[in-house]
């Protein structure tokens, strides 16, 4: 599932923005060969800033936990993706 937090401009229609965003995101994902998951929109007044990181915005947040096996491989080869072919 994809969760989006959206701040509406003054006078913008929540229903219109919601349907447009969902439609465009679904179309883009499907054009890349992906199956589009459910999309949930939440309209907010502000987007929270992370006080631990000098107020930077956390734009993308993953709620998926990787298996321990993947974490171990990443720790053993921290720069493995830079290997020469």
PDB file of N, CA and C in Angstrom:
ATOM      1  N   UNK A   1       0.839  -1.170   0.000  1.00  0.00           N
ATOM      2  CA  UNK A   1       0.000   0.000   0.000  1.00  0.00           C
ATOM      3  C   UNK A   1       0.891   1.243   0.000  1.00  0.00           C
ATOM      4  N   UNK A   2       0.448   2.249  -0.692  1.00  0.00           N
ATOM      5  CA  UNK A   2       1.156   3.529  -0.742  1.00  0.00           C
ATOM      6  C   UNK A   2       0.329   4.552   0.034  1.00  0.00           C
ATOM      7  N   UNK A   3       0.990   5.219   0.997  1.00  0.00           N
ATOM      8  CA  UNK A   3       0.344   6.276   1.772  1.00  0.00           C
ATOM      9  C   UNK A   3       0.965   7.605   1.380  1.00  0.00           C
ATOM     10  N   UNK A   4       0.135   8.576   1.050  1.00  0.00           N
ATOM     11  CA  UNK A   4       0.615   9.907   0.691  1.00  0.00           C
ATOM     12  C   UNK A   4       0.013  10.945   1.631  1.00  0.00           C
ATOM     13  N   UNK A   5       0.851  11.826   2.137  1.00  0.00           N
ATOM     14  CA  UNK A   5       0.379  12.968   2.918  1.00  0.00           C
ATOM     15  C   UNK A   5       0.420  14.176   2.004  1.00  0.00           C
ATOM     16  N   UNK A   6      -0.700  14.839   1.872  1.00  0.00           N
ATOM     17  CA  UNK A   6      -0.853  15.938   0.920  1.00  0.00           C
ATOM     18  C   UNK A   6      -1.306  17.204   1.631  1.00  0.00           C
ATOM     19  N   UNK A   7      -0.682  18.326   1.260  1.00  0.00           N
ATOM     20  CA  UNK A   7      -1.146  19.638   1.718  1.00  0.00           C
ATOM     21  C   UNK A   7      -1.852  20.288   0.530  1.00  0.00           C
ATOM     22  N   UNK A   8      -3.112  20.587   0.713  1.00  0.00           N
ATOM     23  CA  UNK A   8      -3.890  21.207  -0.369  1.00  0.00           C
ATOM     24  C   UNK A   8      -3.653  22.716  -0.421  1.00  0.00           C
ATOM     25  N   UNK A   9      -3.642  23.244  -1.625  1.00  0.00           N
ATOM     26  CA  UNK A   9      -3.614  24.703  -1.782  1.00  0.00           C
ATOM     27  C   UNK A   9      -4.976  25.255  -1.408  1.00  0.00           C
ATOM     28  N   UNK A  10      -5.009  26.515  -1.052  1.00  0.00           N
ATOM     29  CA  UNK A  10      -6.290  27.136  -0.723  1.00  0.00           C
ATOM     30  C   UNK A  10      -7.225  27.039  -1.922  1.00  0.00           C
ATOM     31  N   UNK A  11      -8.442  26.616  -1.649  1.00  0.00           N
ATOM     32  CA  UNK A  11      -9.453  26.527  -2.698  1.00  0.00           C
ATOM     33  C   UNK A  11      -9.411  25.243  -3.516  1.00  0.00           C
ATOM     34  N   UNK A  12      -8.424  24.389  -3.292  1.00  0.00           N
ATOM     35  CA  UNK A  12      -8.322  23.143  -4.051  1.00  0.00           C
ATOM     36  C   UNK A  12      -9.345  22.133  -3.541  1.00  0.00           C
ATOM     37  N   UNK A  13      -9.853  21.343  -4.444  1.00  0.00           N
ATOM     38  CA  UNK A  13     -10.824  20.323  -4.107  1.00  0.00           C
ATOM     39  C   UNK A  13     -10.101  19.024  -3.728  1.00  0.00           C
ATOM     40  N   UNK A  14     -10.345  18.564  -2.507  1.00  0.00           N
ATOM     41  CA  UNK A  14      -9.727  17.330  -2.048  1.00  0.00           C
ATOM     42  C   UNK A  14     -10.085  16.141  -2.922  1.00  0.00           C
ATOM     43  N   UNK A  15     -11.344  16.068  -3.347  1.00  0.00           N
ATOM     44  CA  UNK A  15     -11.797  14.955  -4.187  1.00  0.00           C
ATOM     45  C   UNK A  15     -11.109  14.980  -5.551  1.00  0.00           C
ATOM     46  N   UNK A  16     -10.991  16.165  -6.113  1.00  0.00           N
ATOM     47  CA  UNK A  16     -10.356  16.306  -7.426  1.00  0.00           C
ATOM     48  C   UNK A  16      -8.876  15.937  -7.366  1.00  0.00           C
ATOM     49  N   UNK A  17      -8.182  16.454  -6.362  1.00  0.00           N
ATOM     50  CA  UNK A  17      -6.757  16.178  -6.194  1.00  0.00           C
ATOM     51  C   UNK A  17      -6.547  14.687  -5.941  1.00  0.00           C
ATOM     52  N   UNK A  18      -7.384  14.112  -5.097  1.00  0.00           N
ATOM     53  CA  UNK A  18      -7.274  12.699  -4.767  1.00  0.00           C
ATOM     54  C   UNK A  18      -7.410  11.821  -6.011  1.00  0.00           C
ATOM     55  N   UNK A  19      -8.448  12.039  -6.784  1.00  0.00           N
ATOM     56  CA  UNK A  19      -8.656  11.202  -7.975  1.00  0.00           C
ATOM     57  C   UNK A  19      -7.557  11.418  -9.008  1.00  0.00           C
ATOM     58  N   UNK A  20      -7.091  12.670  -9.190  1.00  0.00           N
ATOM     59  CA  UNK A  20      -6.042  12.949 -10.158  1.00  0.00           C
ATOM     60  C   UNK A  20      -4.723  12.273  -9.757  1.00  0.00           C
ATOM     61  N   UNK A  21      -4.336  12.415  -8.480  1.00  0.00           N
ATOM     62  CA  UNK A  21      -3.090  11.818  -8.019  1.00  0.00           C
ATOM     63  C   UNK A  21      -3.108  10.300  -8.120  1.00  0.00           C
ATOM     64  N   UNK A  22      -4.192   9.694  -7.677  1.00  0.00           N
ATOM     65  CA  UNK A  22      -4.297   8.238  -7.739  1.00  0.00           C
ATOM     66  C   UNK A  22      -4.227   7.746  -9.185  1.00  0.00           C
ATOM     67  N   UNK A  23      -4.933   8.416 -10.067  1.00  0.00           N
ATOM     68  CA  UNK A  23      -4.960   8.028 -11.481  1.00  0.00           C
ATOM     69  C   UNK A  23      -3.572   8.171 -12.123  1.00  0.00           C
ATOM     70  N   UNK A  24      -2.908   9.290 -11.880  1.00  0.00           N
ATOM     71  CA  UNK A  24      -1.591   9.522 -12.481  1.00  0.00           C
ATOM     72  C   UNK A  24      -0.529   8.580 -11.930  1.00  0.00           C
ATOM     73  N   UNK A  25      -0.558   8.337 -10.622  1.00  0.00           N
ATOM     74  CA  UNK A  25       0.409   7.430 -10.015  1.00  0.00           C
ATOM     75  C   UNK A  25       0.198   6.004 -10.511  1.00  0.00           C
ATOM     76  N   UNK A  26      -1.045   5.577 -10.587  1.00  0.00           N
ATOM     77  CA  UNK A  26      -1.361   4.235 -11.083  1.00  0.00           C
ATOM     78  C   UNK A  26      -0.898   4.078 -12.532  1.00  0.00           C
ATOM     79  N   UNK A  27      -1.179   5.070 -13.352  1.00  0.00           N
ATOM     80  CA  UNK A  27      -0.786   5.022 -14.760  1.00  0.00           C
ATOM     81  C   UNK A  27       0.740   4.935 -14.907  1.00  0.00           C
ATOM     82  N   UNK A  28       1.465   5.725 -14.114  1.00  0.00           N
ATOM     83  CA  UNK A  28       2.930   5.743 -14.193  1.00  0.00           C
ATOM     84  C   UNK A  28       3.522   4.413 -13.740  1.00  0.00           C
ATOM     85  N   UNK A  29       3.034   3.868 -12.632  1.00  0.00           N
ATOM     86  CA  UNK A  29       3.543   2.590 -12.135  1.00  0.00           C
ATOM     87  C   UNK A  29       3.271   1.465 -13.129  1.00  0.00           C
ATOM     88  N   UNK A  30       2.075   1.452 -13.692  1.00  0.00           N
ATOM     89  CA  UNK A  30       1.725   0.403 -14.650  1.00  0.00           C
ATOM     90  C   UNK A  30       2.527   0.534 -15.941  1.00  0.00           C
ATOM     91  N   UNK A  31       2.892   1.752 -16.327  1.00  0.00           N
ATOM     92  CA  UNK A  31       3.710   1.939 -17.532  1.00  0.00           C
ATOM     93  C   UNK A  31       5.119   1.382 -17.331  1.00  0.00           C
ATOM     94  N   UNK A  32       5.524   1.248 -16.057  1.00  0.00           N
ATOM     95  CA  UNK A  32       6.836   0.679 -15.731  1.00  0.00           C
ATOM     96  C   UNK A  32       6.762  -0.834 -15.508  1.00  0.00           C
ATOM     97  N   UNK A  33       5.566  -1.394 -15.686  1.00  0.00           N
ATOM     98  CA  UNK A  33       5.387  -2.831 -15.535  1.00  0.00           C
ATOM     99  C   UNK A  33       5.064  -3.272 -14.112  1.00  0.00           C
ATOM    100  N   UNK A  34       4.799  -2.324 -13.235  1.00  0.00           N
ATOM    101  CA  UNK A  34       4.489  -2.648 -11.833  1.00  0.00           C
ATOM    102  C   UNK A  34       2.985  -2.792 -11.650  1.00  0.00           C
ATOM    103  N   UNK A  35       2.618  -3.598 -10.686  1.00  0.00           N
ATOM    104  CA  UNK A  35       1.214  -3.711 -10.291  1.00  0.00           C
ATOM    105  C   UNK A  35       0.987  -2.648  -9.229  1.00  0.00           C
ATOM    106  N   UNK A  36       0.039  -1.795  -9.475  1.00  0.00           N
ATOM    107  CA  UNK A  36      -0.203  -0.680  -8.552  1.00  0.00           C
ATOM    108  C   UNK A  36      -0.943  -1.165  -7.301  1.00  0.00           C
ATOM    109  N   UNK A  37      -0.362  -0.915  -6.126  1.00  0.00           N
ATOM    110  CA  UNK A  37      -1.056  -1.270  -4.878  1.00  0.00           C
ATOM    111  C   UNK A  37      -2.125  -0.232  -4.563  1.00  0.00           C
ATOM    112  N   UNK A  38      -2.861  -0.470  -3.494  1.00  0.00           N
ATOM    113  CA  UNK A  38      -3.837   0.523  -3.041  1.00  0.00           C
ATOM    114  C   UNK A  38      -3.109   1.805  -2.682  1.00  0.00           C
ATOM    115  N   UNK A  39      -3.739   2.935  -2.968  1.00  0.00           N
ATOM    116  CA  UNK A  39      -3.161   4.243  -2.674  1.00  0.00           C
ATOM    117  C   UNK A  39      -4.083   4.953  -1.693  1.00  0.00           C
ATOM    118  N   UNK A  40      -3.531   5.352  -0.557  1.00  0.00           N
ATOM    119  CA  UNK A  40      -4.286   6.060   0.465  1.00  0.00           C
ATOM    120  C   UNK A  40      -3.748   7.484   0.596  1.00  0.00           C
ATOM    121  N   UNK A  41      -4.628   8.456   0.489  1.00  0.00           N
ATOM    122  CA  UNK A  41      -4.234   9.857   0.639  1.00  0.00           C
ATOM    123  C   UNK A  41      -4.717  10.381   1.982  1.00  0.00           C
ATOM    124  N   UNK A  42      -3.876  11.182   2.593  1.00  0.00           N
ATOM    125  CA  UNK A  42      -4.222  11.834   3.847  1.00  0.00           C
ATOM    126  C   UNK A  42      -3.941  13.317   3.663  1.00  0.00           C
ATOM    127  N   UNK A  43      -4.960  14.135   3.838  1.00  0.00           N
ATOM    128  CA  UNK A  43      -4.771  15.576   3.716  1.00  0.00           C
ATOM    129  C   UNK A  43      -4.366  16.127   5.080  1.00  0.00           C
ATOM    130  N   UNK A  44      -3.263  16.868   5.099  1.00  0.00           N
ATOM    131  CA  UNK A  44      -2.712  17.399   6.344  1.00  0.00           C
ATOM    132  C   UNK A  44      -2.488  18.900   6.215  1.00  0.00           C
ATOM    133  N   UNK A  45      -2.322  19.560   7.355  1.00  0.00           N
ATOM    134  CA  UNK A  45      -2.042  21.001   7.366  1.00  0.00           C
ATOM    135  C   UNK A  45      -0.550  21.270   7.255  1.00  0.00           C
ATOM    136  N   UNK A  46       0.269  20.375   7.828  1.00  0.00           N
ATOM    137  CA  UNK A  46       1.727  20.514   7.788  1.00  0.00           C
ATOM    138  C   UNK A  46       2.345  19.130   7.616  1.00  0.00           C
ATOM    139  N   UNK A  47       3.553  19.097   7.072  1.00  0.00           N
ATOM    140  CA  UNK A  47       4.316  17.861   6.990  1.00  0.00           C
ATOM    141  C   UNK A  47       5.383  17.956   8.065  1.00  0.00           C
ATOM    142  N   UNK A  48       5.401  16.947   8.933  1.00  0.00           N
ATOM    143  CA  UNK A  48       6.314  16.970  10.074  1.00  0.00           C
ATOM    144  C   UNK A  48       7.773  16.939   9.636  1.00  0.00           C
ATOM    145  N   UNK A  49       8.577  17.651  10.378  1.00  0.00           N
ATOM    146  CA  UNK A  49      10.026  17.648  10.163  1.00  0.00           C
ATOM    147  C   UNK A  49      10.665  16.839  11.276  1.00  0.00           C
ATOM    148  N   UNK A  50      11.759  16.178  10.975  1.00  0.00           N
ATOM    149  CA  UNK A  50      12.459  15.337  11.941  1.00  0.00           C
ATOM    150  C   UNK A  50      13.357  16.209  12.818  1.00  0.00           C
ATOM    151  N   UNK A  51      12.993  16.357  14.087  1.00  0.00           N
ATOM    152  CA  UNK A  51      13.764  17.213  14.995  1.00  0.00           C
ATOM    153  C   UNK A  51      15.155  16.640  15.282  1.00  0.00           C
ATOM    154  N   UNK A  52      15.338  15.345  15.113  1.00  0.00           N
ATOM    155  CA  UNK A  52      16.638  14.709  15.348  1.00  0.00           C
ATOM    156  C   UNK A  52      17.613  14.970  14.198  1.00  0.00           C
ATOM    157  N   UNK A  53      17.100  15.404  13.052  1.00  0.00           N
ATOM    158  CA  UNK A  53      17.954  15.627  11.877  1.00  0.00           C
ATOM    159  C   UNK A  53      17.848  17.074  11.402  1.00  0.00           C
ATOM    160  N   UNK A  54      17.925  17.981  12.339  1.00  0.00           N
ATOM    161  CA  UNK A  54      17.917  19.421  12.072  1.00  0.00           C
ATOM    162  C   UNK A  54      16.709  19.875  11.257  1.00  0.00           C
ATOM    163  N   UNK A  55      15.564  19.259  11.488  1.00  0.00           N
ATOM    164  CA  UNK A  55      14.333  19.703  10.854  1.00  0.00           C
ATOM    165  C   UNK A  55      14.166  19.306   9.403  1.00  0.00           C
ATOM    166  N   UNK A  56      14.969  18.360   8.929  1.00  0.00           N
ATOM    167  CA  UNK A  56      14.840  17.936   7.528  1.00  0.00           C
ATOM    168  C   UNK A  56      13.551  17.152   7.343  1.00  0.00           C
ATOM    169  N   UNK A  57      12.995  17.250   6.145  1.00  0.00           N
ATOM    170  CA  UNK A  57      11.784  16.509   5.823  1.00  0.00           C
ATOM    171  C   UNK A  57      12.124  15.069   5.493  1.00  0.00           C
ATOM    172  N   UNK A  58      11.308  14.159   5.966  1.00  0.00           N
ATOM    173  CA  UNK A  58      11.452  12.760   5.597  1.00  0.00           C
ATOM    174  C   UNK A  58      10.450  12.536   4.467  1.00  0.00           C
ATOM    175  N   UNK A  59      10.946  12.593   3.246  1.00  0.00           N
ATOM    176  CA  UNK A  59      10.077  12.547   2.077  1.00  0.00           C
ATOM    177  C   UNK A  59       9.538  11.144   1.813  1.00  0.00           C
ATOM    178  N   UNK A  60      10.399  10.144   1.917  1.00  0.00           N
ATOM    179  CA  UNK A  60       9.988   8.766   1.653  1.00  0.00           C
ATOM    180  C   UNK A  60      10.262   7.944   2.899  1.00  0.00           C
ATOM    181  N   UNK A  61       9.269   7.187   3.312  1.00  0.00           N
ATOM    182  CA  UNK A  61       9.409   6.353   4.495  1.00  0.00           C
ATOM    183  C   UNK A  61       8.917   4.953   4.153  1.00  0.00           C
ATOM    184  N   UNK A  62       9.755   3.951   4.328  1.00  0.00           N
ATOM    185  CA  UNK A  62       9.371   2.575   4.061  1.00  0.00           C
ATOM    186  C   UNK A  62       8.909   1.917   5.347  1.00  0.00           C
ATOM    187  N   UNK A  63       7.792   1.221   5.268  1.00  0.00           N
ATOM    188  CA  UNK A  63       7.277   0.478   6.408  1.00  0.00           C
ATOM    189  C   UNK A  63       7.559  -1.012   6.272  1.00  0.00           C
ATOM    190  N   UNK A  64       8.383  -1.383   5.296  1.00  0.00           N
ATOM    191  CA  UNK A  64       8.704  -2.784   5.045  1.00  0.00           C
ATOM    192  C   UNK A  64      10.012  -3.111   5.736  1.00  0.00           C
ATOM    193  N   UNK A  65      10.005  -4.163   6.524  1.00  0.00           N
ATOM    194  CA  UNK A  65      11.222  -4.595   7.207  1.00  0.00           C
ATOM    195  C   UNK A  65      11.895  -5.667   6.371  1.00  0.00           C
ATOM    196  N   UNK A  66      13.202  -5.495   6.152  1.00  0.00           N
ATOM    197  CA  UNK A  66      13.967  -6.479   5.390  1.00  0.00           C
ATOM    198  C   UNK A  66      14.316  -7.658   6.283  1.00  0.00           C
ATOM    199  N   UNK A  67      14.395  -8.863   5.707  1.00  0.00           N
ATOM    200  CA  UNK A  67      14.805 -10.020   6.505  1.00  0.00           C
ATOM    201  C   UNK A  67      16.231  -9.849   7.009  1.00  0.00           C
ATOM    202  N   UNK A  68      16.551 -10.487   8.125  1.00  0.00           N
ATOM    203  CA  UNK A  68      17.894 -10.403   8.708  1.00  0.00           C
ATOM    204  C   UNK A  68      18.972 -10.866   7.746  1.00  0.00           C
ATOM    205  N   UNK A  69      18.669 -11.819   6.885  1.00  0.00           N
ATOM    206  CA  UNK A  69      19.654 -12.319   5.926  1.00  0.00           C
ATOM    207  C   UNK A  69      20.140 -11.187   5.030  1.00  0.00           C
ATOM    208  N   UNK A  70      19.227 -10.356   4.559  1.00  0.00           N
ATOM    209  CA  UNK A  70      19.616  -9.233   3.708  1.00  0.00           C
ATOM    210  C   UNK A  70      20.465  -8.236   4.474  1.00  0.00           C
ATOM    211  N   UNK A  71      20.122  -7.989   5.718  1.00  0.00           N
ATOM    212  CA  UNK A  71      20.905  -7.043   6.524  1.00  0.00           C
ATOM    213  C   UNK A  71      22.328  -7.546   6.705  1.00  0.00           C
ATOM    214  N   UNK A  72      22.495  -8.859   6.937  1.00  0.00           N
ATOM    215  CA  UNK A  72      23.832  -9.421   7.120  1.00  0.00           C
ATOM    216  C   UNK A  72      24.648  -9.289   5.847  1.00  0.00           C
ATOM    217  N   UNK A  73      24.057  -9.551   4.696  1.00  0.00           N
ATOM    218  CA  UNK A  73      24.783  -9.438   3.432  1.00  0.00           C
ATOM    219  C   UNK A  73      25.204  -7.997   3.186  1.00  0.00           C
ATOM    220  N   UNK A  74      24.342  -7.067   3.515  1.00  0.00           N
ATOM    221  CA  UNK A  74      24.661  -5.659   3.304  1.00  0.00           C
ATOM    222  C   UNK A  74      25.803  -5.240   4.222  1.00  0.00           C
ATOM    223  N   UNK A  75      25.801  -5.706   5.471  1.00  0.00           N
ATOM    224  CA  UNK A  75      26.873  -5.351   6.395  1.00  0.00           C
ATOM    225  C   UNK A  75      28.209  -5.933   5.951  1.00  0.00           C
ATOM    226  N   UNK A  76      28.201  -7.164   5.423  1.00  0.00           N
ATOM    227  CA  UNK A  76      29.445  -7.793   5.008  1.00  0.00           C
ATOM    228  C   UNK A  76      30.021  -7.131   3.767  1.00  0.00           C
ATOM    229  N   UNK A  77      29.165  -6.638   2.895  1.00  0.00           N
ATOM    230  CA  UNK A  77      29.614  -6.029   1.649  1.00  0.00           C
ATOM    231  C   UNK A  77      28.994  -4.640   1.519  1.00  0.00           C
ATOM    232  N   UNK A  78      29.431  -3.689   2.332  1.00  0.00           N
ATOM    233  CA  UNK A  78      28.774  -2.380   2.319  1.00  0.00           C
ATOM    234  C   UNK A  78      28.888  -1.640   0.997  1.00  0.00           C
ATOM    235  N   UNK A  79      29.943  -1.895   0.230  1.00  0.00           N
ATOM    236  CA  UNK A  79      30.100  -1.205  -1.036  1.00  0.00           C
ATOM    237  C   UNK A  79      30.051  -2.177  -2.201  1.00  0.00           C
ATOM    238  N   UNK A  80      29.358  -3.295  -2.014  1.00  0.00           N
ATOM    239  CA  UNK A  80      29.272  -4.328  -3.039  1.00  0.00           C
ATOM    240  C   UNK A  80      28.661  -3.841  -4.343  1.00  0.00           C
ATOM    241  N   UNK A  81      27.790  -2.863  -4.268  1.00  0.00           N
ATOM    242  CA  UNK A  81      27.141  -2.399  -5.492  1.00  0.00           C
ATOM    243  C   UNK A  81      28.069  -1.527  -6.330  1.00  0.00           C
ATOM    244  N   UNK A  82      29.284  -1.228  -5.852  1.00  0.00           N
ATOM    245  CA  UNK A  82      30.253  -0.450  -6.620  1.00  0.00           C
ATOM    246  C   UNK A  82      31.311  -1.331  -7.274  1.00  0.00           C
ATOM    247  N   UNK A  83      31.179  -2.656  -7.140  1.00  0.00           N
ATOM    248  CA  UNK A  83      32.180  -3.557  -7.699  1.00  0.00           C
ATOM    249  C   UNK A  83      32.316  -3.389  -9.200  1.00  0.00           C
ATOM    250  N   UNK A  84      33.533  -3.558  -9.695  1.00  0.00           N
ATOM    251  CA  UNK A  84      33.766  -3.491 -11.140  1.00  0.00           C
ATOM    252  C   UNK A  84      33.331  -4.789 -11.784  1.00  0.00           C
ATOM    253  N   UNK A  85      32.845  -4.707 -12.997  1.00  0.00           N
ATOM    254  CA  UNK A  85      32.400  -5.897 -13.731  1.00  0.00           C
ATOM    255  C   UNK A  85      33.554  -6.538 -14.456  1.00  0.00           C
TER     256      UNK A  85
END
